[in-house]
Amino acid sequence: MTHDGAKAAAIRLPGALGEAARAVLSGSEPPATPRDAATVMLLRSAPTGLEVYMLRRQASMAFAPGAYVFPGGSVDARDADEKVAWAGPDAAEWGRIFTAPPSLARALVCAAVRETFEESGVLLAGESAESVVADTTSADWEADRMALLDRSVSLAELLARRGLVLRSDLLRPWAQWITPVVEPRRFDTRFFAAALPVGQHTRDVGGEAAEVAWVRPADALAASRRSEIRLFPPTAVSLSELAECGDLNTALTGPRRVAPIIPEVHEREGAVWLTVPGLTEYPAPPGGAR
């Protein structure tokens, strides 16, 4: 699935967003440097079809407040630790997929696994290359999750202590989205997809999430169109692609081509517009009120 240039929504940037965009477009403000990040679309099969795990970010968050997102976040320096026990495609292979040096590719995969555990309680690791942790809901697992969050332990240290290997083969590369140049907070985010491991369960772990839910991609898009939830463009496009897949097997095995996608910003008729490849409609501006 690739993005067709003819399939692009134009979103008007209102108020302060538009003024900030003009400052960058005019050259009076330099664009921010994107931070590397990873996000994971955790998927499962349900009686009504494919579902994806989503979080509503706290309204107090500096980035994407109140928006519905997938688990994810910025790469931590320790995510590139070569001591991480590893099974599946190696860092060099992931580097070829994401056109990145192996050290960055390693960090992205580790960040994807770490953030998924931190924000959903699901760990994509096992005692061997053929196994996956069966349950992570006990008190000792919660203590490990909190230690990752407060950075008192690294992913490499957690896996080593428990005798586990990271299962990179459970992650499927999906997309790469780069925040537009006019945004004050920018990210170069690699999107992954992964099936919920058998025996594991997501749980509401609080923190950055005000609430969590398993939703059908089409239902999330419909709720966005009714202005019931906020979706940022990369999330909306990814949900649309998942809805087209229809089922878990297709989502994890269908053809994909990962290439950088960056929405374009331009001025037209006295307004500032954001053009989003892969999106034909958008119910409200990204920074609009709900």
Protein backbone atom coordinates (compact mmCIF):
# COMPACT_ATOMS: atom_id res chain seq x y z
CA MET A 1 0.00 0.00 0.00
CA THR A 2 1.52 3.28 -1.06
CA HIS A 3 0.22 6.81 -0.84
CA ASP A 4 -1.30 8.29 -3.99
CA GLY A 5 -0.46 11.93 -4.49
CA ALA A 6 -4.03 12.58 -5.65
CA LYS A 7 -5.34 11.27 -2.34
CA ALA A 8 -4.47 14.15 -0.02
CA ALA A 9 -6.58 16.19 2.38
CA ALA A 10 -5.93 19.89 2.90
CA ILE A 11 -6.32 21.03 6.52
CA ARG A 12 -6.49 24.71 7.41
CA LEU A 13 -4.26 25.61 10.37
CA PRO A 14 -6.10 28.05 12.63
CA GLY A 15 -4.99 30.84 14.96
CA ALA A 16 -1.69 30.34 16.75
CA LEU A 17 -0.87 27.26 14.67
CA GLY A 18 -1.18 29.27 11.49
CA GLU A 19 0.92 32.15 12.85
CA ALA A 20 3.65 29.79 14.03
CA ALA A 21 3.64 28.16 10.60
CA ARG A 22 4.01 31.52 8.87
CA ALA A 23 7.04 32.35 11.02
CA VAL A 24 8.80 29.19 9.89
CA LEU A 25 7.70 29.51 6.27
CA SER A 26 9.02 33.09 6.14
CA GLY A 27 12.36 32.09 7.62
CA SER A 28 12.01 34.24 10.74
CA GLU A 29 11.94 31.09 12.90
CA PRO A 30 14.16 28.05 12.21
CA PRO A 31 12.43 24.66 11.99
CA ALA A 32 12.88 22.31 14.94
CA THR A 33 15.00 19.18 14.49
CA PRO A 34 12.86 16.01 14.55
CA ARG A 35 13.43 13.55 17.38
CA ASP A 36 13.49 9.84 16.55
CA ALA A 37 10.46 8.00 17.90
CA ALA A 38 8.61 4.71 17.58
CA THR A 39 4.93 3.78 17.87
CA VAL A 40 3.21 0.41 17.79
CA MET A 41 -0.25 -0.47 16.54
CA LEU A 42 -1.11 -3.40 18.80
CA LEU A 43 -3.69 -5.56 17.01
CA ARG A 44 -6.08 -8.39 17.84
CA SER A 45 -8.88 -10.34 16.20
CA ALA A 46 -12.36 -9.88 17.70
CA PRO A 47 -15.80 -11.24 16.78
CA THR A 48 -16.55 -7.94 15.02
CA GLY A 49 -13.21 -7.88 13.16
CA LEU A 50 -9.76 -6.36 13.55
CA GLU A 51 -9.21 -4.16 16.61
CA VAL A 52 -6.35 -1.84 17.56
CA TYR A 53 -5.31 -0.64 21.01
CA MET A 54 -5.48 3.14 21.49
CA LEU A 55 -4.84 5.62 24.28
CA ARG A 56 -6.33 9.07 24.83
CA ARG A 57 -3.50 11.33 25.91
CA GLN A 58 -3.90 13.46 29.03
CA ALA A 59 -5.17 16.97 28.28
CA SER A 60 -2.14 18.34 30.15
CA MET A 61 0.40 16.78 27.75
CA ALA A 62 2.57 19.23 25.80
CA PHE A 63 2.34 17.19 22.58
CA ALA A 64 -1.00 16.03 21.12
CA PRO A 65 -3.06 16.74 24.26
CA GLY A 66 -6.35 14.84 24.30
CA ALA A 67 -5.63 13.00 21.04
CA TYR A 68 -6.17 9.28 20.53
CA VAL A 69 -2.85 7.63 19.69
CA PHE A 70 -1.05 4.30 19.64
CA PRO A 71 1.52 3.39 22.32
CA GLY A 72 4.86 5.01 21.55
CA GLY A 73 7.36 7.71 22.32
CA SER A 74 10.83 9.11 21.79
CA VAL A 75 13.92 6.95 21.50
CA ASP A 76 15.96 6.81 24.71
CA ALA A 77 19.77 6.78 24.48
CA ARG A 78 19.84 3.37 26.20
CA ASP A 79 17.56 1.88 23.55
CA ALA A 80 20.65 1.50 21.34
CA ASP A 81 22.38 -0.74 23.92
CA GLU A 82 23.98 -3.65 22.06
CA LYS A 83 23.59 -5.80 25.18
CA VAL A 84 19.87 -6.22 24.47
CA ALA A 85 19.24 -9.94 23.95
CA TRP A 86 17.72 -10.24 20.47
CA ALA A 87 15.80 -12.71 18.32
CA GLY A 88 14.47 -12.14 14.81
CA PRO A 89 15.69 -9.76 12.08
CA ASP A 90 18.85 -8.03 13.30
CA ALA A 91 19.60 -4.32 13.51
CA ALA A 92 21.20 -4.28 10.06
CA GLU A 93 18.04 -5.72 8.48
CA TRP A 94 15.84 -3.20 10.27
CA GLY A 95 18.26 -0.51 9.13
CA ARG A 96 17.68 -1.53 5.51
CA ILE A 97 13.92 -1.37 6.06
CA PHE A 98 14.01 2.10 7.59
CA THR A 99 17.03 3.43 5.66
CA ALA A 100 18.82 4.02 8.94
CA PRO A 101 22.19 3.05 10.44
CA PRO A 102 22.04 -0.19 12.46
CA SER A 103 22.53 1.64 15.76
CA LEU A 104 19.46 3.80 15.15
CA ALA A 105 17.47 0.84 13.83
CA ARG A 106 18.29 -1.09 17.01
CA ALA A 107 17.18 1.87 19.12
CA LEU A 108 13.90 2.19 17.20
CA VAL A 109 13.00 -1.48 17.65
CA CYS A 110 13.93 -1.39 21.34
CA ALA A 111 11.95 1.83 21.82
CA ALA A 112 8.94 0.19 20.16
CA VAL A 113 9.12 -2.79 22.55
CA ARG A 114 9.84 -0.64 25.61
CA GLU A 115 7.09 1.90 24.95
CA THR A 116 4.54 -0.84 24.25
CA PHE A 117 5.29 -2.41 27.62
CA GLU A 118 5.29 0.96 29.41
CA GLU A 119 1.97 2.09 27.91
CA SER A 120 -0.01 -1.14 27.61
CA GLY A 121 1.67 -3.74 29.84
CA VAL A 122 2.36 -5.97 26.81
CA LEU A 123 5.92 -7.24 26.35
CA LEU A 124 7.14 -8.53 22.97
CA ALA A 125 9.81 -10.83 24.40
CA GLY A 126 10.25 -14.45 25.40
CA GLU A 127 12.63 -16.98 26.92
CA SER A 128 13.66 -18.08 23.43
CA ALA A 129 13.27 -17.13 19.77
CA GLU A 130 10.14 -19.32 19.64
CA SER A 131 8.38 -18.26 22.86
CA VAL A 132 6.60 -15.19 24.21
CA VAL A 133 6.00 -14.15 27.80
CA ALA A 134 2.59 -15.55 28.75
CA ASP A 135 1.42 -13.00 31.32
CA THR A 136 2.68 -9.63 32.58
CA THR A 137 -0.06 -8.63 35.00
CA SER A 138 1.56 -9.64 38.31
CA ALA A 139 2.93 -7.21 40.87
CA ASP A 140 6.55 -7.99 40.01
CA TRP A 141 5.94 -7.23 36.35
CA GLU A 142 4.27 -3.97 37.33
CA ALA A 143 7.34 -3.07 39.37
CA ASP A 144 9.50 -3.71 36.30
CA ARG A 145 7.25 -1.54 34.16
CA MET A 146 7.49 1.31 36.65
CA ALA A 147 11.28 0.92 36.77
CA LEU A 148 11.40 1.36 33.00
CA LEU A 149 9.22 4.44 33.27
CA ASP A 150 11.37 6.13 35.91
CA ARG A 151 14.53 5.06 34.01
CA SER A 152 15.98 3.25 37.04
CA VAL A 153 16.36 0.19 34.79
CA SER A 154 16.95 -0.12 31.04
CA LEU A 155 15.25 -2.54 28.69
CA ALA A 156 18.53 -4.44 28.32
CA GLU A 157 18.82 -4.81 32.10
CA LEU A 158 15.22 -5.93 32.50
CA LEU A 159 15.49 -8.58 29.78
CA ALA A 160 18.84 -9.85 31.11
CA ARG A 161 17.58 -10.19 34.67
CA ARG A 162 14.54 -12.16 33.52
CA GLY A 163 16.46 -14.24 31.00
CA LEU A 164 14.42 -12.95 28.05
CA VAL A 165 15.14 -12.05 24.42
CA LEU A 166 13.50 -9.25 22.49
CA ARG A 167 11.34 -10.70 19.68
CA SER A 168 11.92 -8.29 16.80
CA ASP A 169 10.14 -10.75 14.48
CA LEU A 170 6.85 -9.94 16.25
CA LEU A 171 7.04 -6.37 14.93
CA ARG A 172 5.95 -5.52 11.41
CA PRO A 173 7.29 -2.26 9.86
CA TRP A 174 4.39 -0.06 8.81
CA ALA A 175 5.29 3.56 8.02
CA GLN A 176 7.52 6.53 8.72
CA TRP A 177 5.93 9.90 9.47
CA ILE A 178 7.90 13.12 9.99
CA THR A 179 6.21 16.06 11.69
CA PRO A 180 5.80 19.08 9.36
CA VAL A 181 8.59 21.66 9.45
CA VAL A 182 6.31 24.31 10.95
CA GLU A 183 5.63 22.38 14.18
CA PRO A 184 7.58 23.47 17.30
CA ARG A 185 7.78 19.82 18.45
CA ARG A 186 8.85 17.50 15.66
CA PHE A 187 9.28 13.73 15.52
CA ASP A 188 10.60 11.26 12.98
CA THR A 189 8.35 8.36 13.94
CA ARG A 190 8.55 4.80 12.67
CA PHE A 191 5.24 2.99 12.90
CA PHE A 192 5.10 -0.73 13.66
CA ALA A 193 2.25 -3.26 13.84
CA ALA A 194 2.17 -6.27 16.17
CA ALA A 195 -0.35 -8.88 17.23
CA LEU A 196 -1.30 -9.09 20.90
CA PRO A 197 0.65 -12.16 22.12
CA VAL A 198 -1.44 -15.14 23.18
CA GLY A 199 -1.98 -15.11 26.95
CA GLN A 200 -1.06 -11.45 27.42
CA HIS A 201 -3.58 -8.74 28.24
CA THR A 202 -3.46 -4.97 27.89
CA ARG A 203 -4.42 -2.92 30.90
CA ASP A 204 -5.02 0.72 31.74
CA VAL A 205 -1.64 1.70 33.19
CA GLY A 206 -2.41 5.41 33.59
CA GLY A 207 0.50 7.80 33.15
CA GLU A 208 0.18 9.70 29.87
CA ALA A 209 -3.16 8.02 29.07
CA ALA A 210 -6.47 9.40 30.33
CA GLU A 211 -8.21 6.28 29.03
CA VAL A 212 -7.50 3.26 26.83
CA ALA A 213 -9.63 1.13 24.54
CA TRP A 214 -9.61 -1.59 21.90
CA VAL A 215 -11.43 -0.19 18.86
CA ARG A 216 -12.23 -1.17 15.30
CA PRO A 217 -10.26 1.19 13.01
CA ALA A 218 -13.39 2.13 11.07
CA ASP A 219 -15.20 3.00 14.31
CA ALA A 220 -12.36 5.28 15.43
CA LEU A 221 -12.44 7.07 12.08
CA ALA A 222 -16.22 7.44 12.30
CA ALA A 223 -15.94 8.90 15.81
CA SER A 224 -13.38 11.37 14.52
CA ARG A 225 -15.68 12.44 11.70
CA ARG A 226 -18.37 13.09 14.34
CA SER A 227 -15.83 15.19 16.29
CA GLU A 228 -16.13 12.81 19.25
CA ILE A 229 -12.39 12.08 19.36
CA ARG A 230 -9.22 13.78 18.12
CA LEU A 231 -6.98 12.03 15.62
CA PHE A 232 -3.79 13.49 14.23
CA PRO A 233 -3.14 12.87 10.51
CA PRO A 234 -0.63 9.97 10.83
CA THR A 235 -3.01 8.16 13.19
CA ALA A 236 -5.98 8.73 10.90
CA VAL A 237 -4.09 7.48 7.84
CA SER A 238 -2.86 4.39 9.71
CA LEU A 239 -6.38 3.62 10.92
CA SER A 240 -7.65 3.96 7.36
CA GLU A 241 -5.00 1.49 6.16
CA LEU A 242 -5.88 -0.96 8.94
CA ALA A 243 -9.56 -0.68 8.04
CA GLU A 244 -8.69 -1.56 4.45
CA CYS A 245 -6.79 -4.64 5.66
CA GLY A 246 -9.91 -5.94 7.37
CA ASP A 247 -8.31 -8.76 9.35
CA LEU A 248 -5.24 -9.49 11.45
CA ASN A 249 -3.50 -11.77 8.97
CA THR A 250 -3.73 -9.25 6.13
CA ALA A 251 -2.50 -6.45 8.39
CA LEU A 252 0.58 -8.44 9.38
CA THR A 253 1.42 -10.02 6.03
CA GLY A 254 0.12 -7.74 3.27
CA PRO A 255 2.55 -5.77 1.09
CA ARG A 256 4.04 -2.61 2.61
CA ARG A 257 6.62 -0.09 1.46
CA VAL A 258 8.09 2.14 4.15
CA ALA A 259 9.20 5.57 2.96
CA PRO A 260 9.29 8.91 4.79
CA ILE A 261 5.98 10.79 4.72
CA ILE A 262 5.97 14.46 5.66
CA PRO A 263 2.82 16.59 5.34
CA GLU A 264 3.45 19.78 3.40
CA VAL A 265 2.55 23.27 4.59
CA HIS A 266 1.79 26.19 2.31
CA GLU A 267 -0.04 29.52 2.26
CA ARG A 268 -3.06 30.00 -0.01
CA GLU A 269 -5.71 32.71 -0.09
CA GLY A 270 -4.48 34.27 3.14
CA ALA A 271 -4.55 31.01 5.09
CA VAL A 272 -2.02 28.32 6.01
CA TRP A 273 -2.83 24.80 4.87
CA LEU A 274 -1.48 21.37 5.73
CA THR A 275 -1.61 18.76 2.95
CA VAL A 276 -1.71 15.18 4.21
CA PRO A 277 -0.87 12.30 1.82
CA GLY A 278 -3.11 9.28 2.23
CA LEU A 279 -6.02 11.21 3.79
CA THR A 280 -9.03 12.35 1.79
CA GLU A 281 -10.89 14.13 4.58
CA TYR A 282 -10.22 15.49 8.02
CA PRO A 283 -13.04 16.66 10.29
CA ALA A 284 -11.20 19.47 12.10
CA PRO A 285 -7.75 21.06 12.32
CA PRO A 286 -5.19 19.14 14.44
CA GLY A 287 -5.17 21.85 17.07
CA GLY A 288 -8.89 22.53 16.97
CA ALA A 289 -11.09 22.26 20.03
CA ARG A 290 -13.25 19.26 20.72
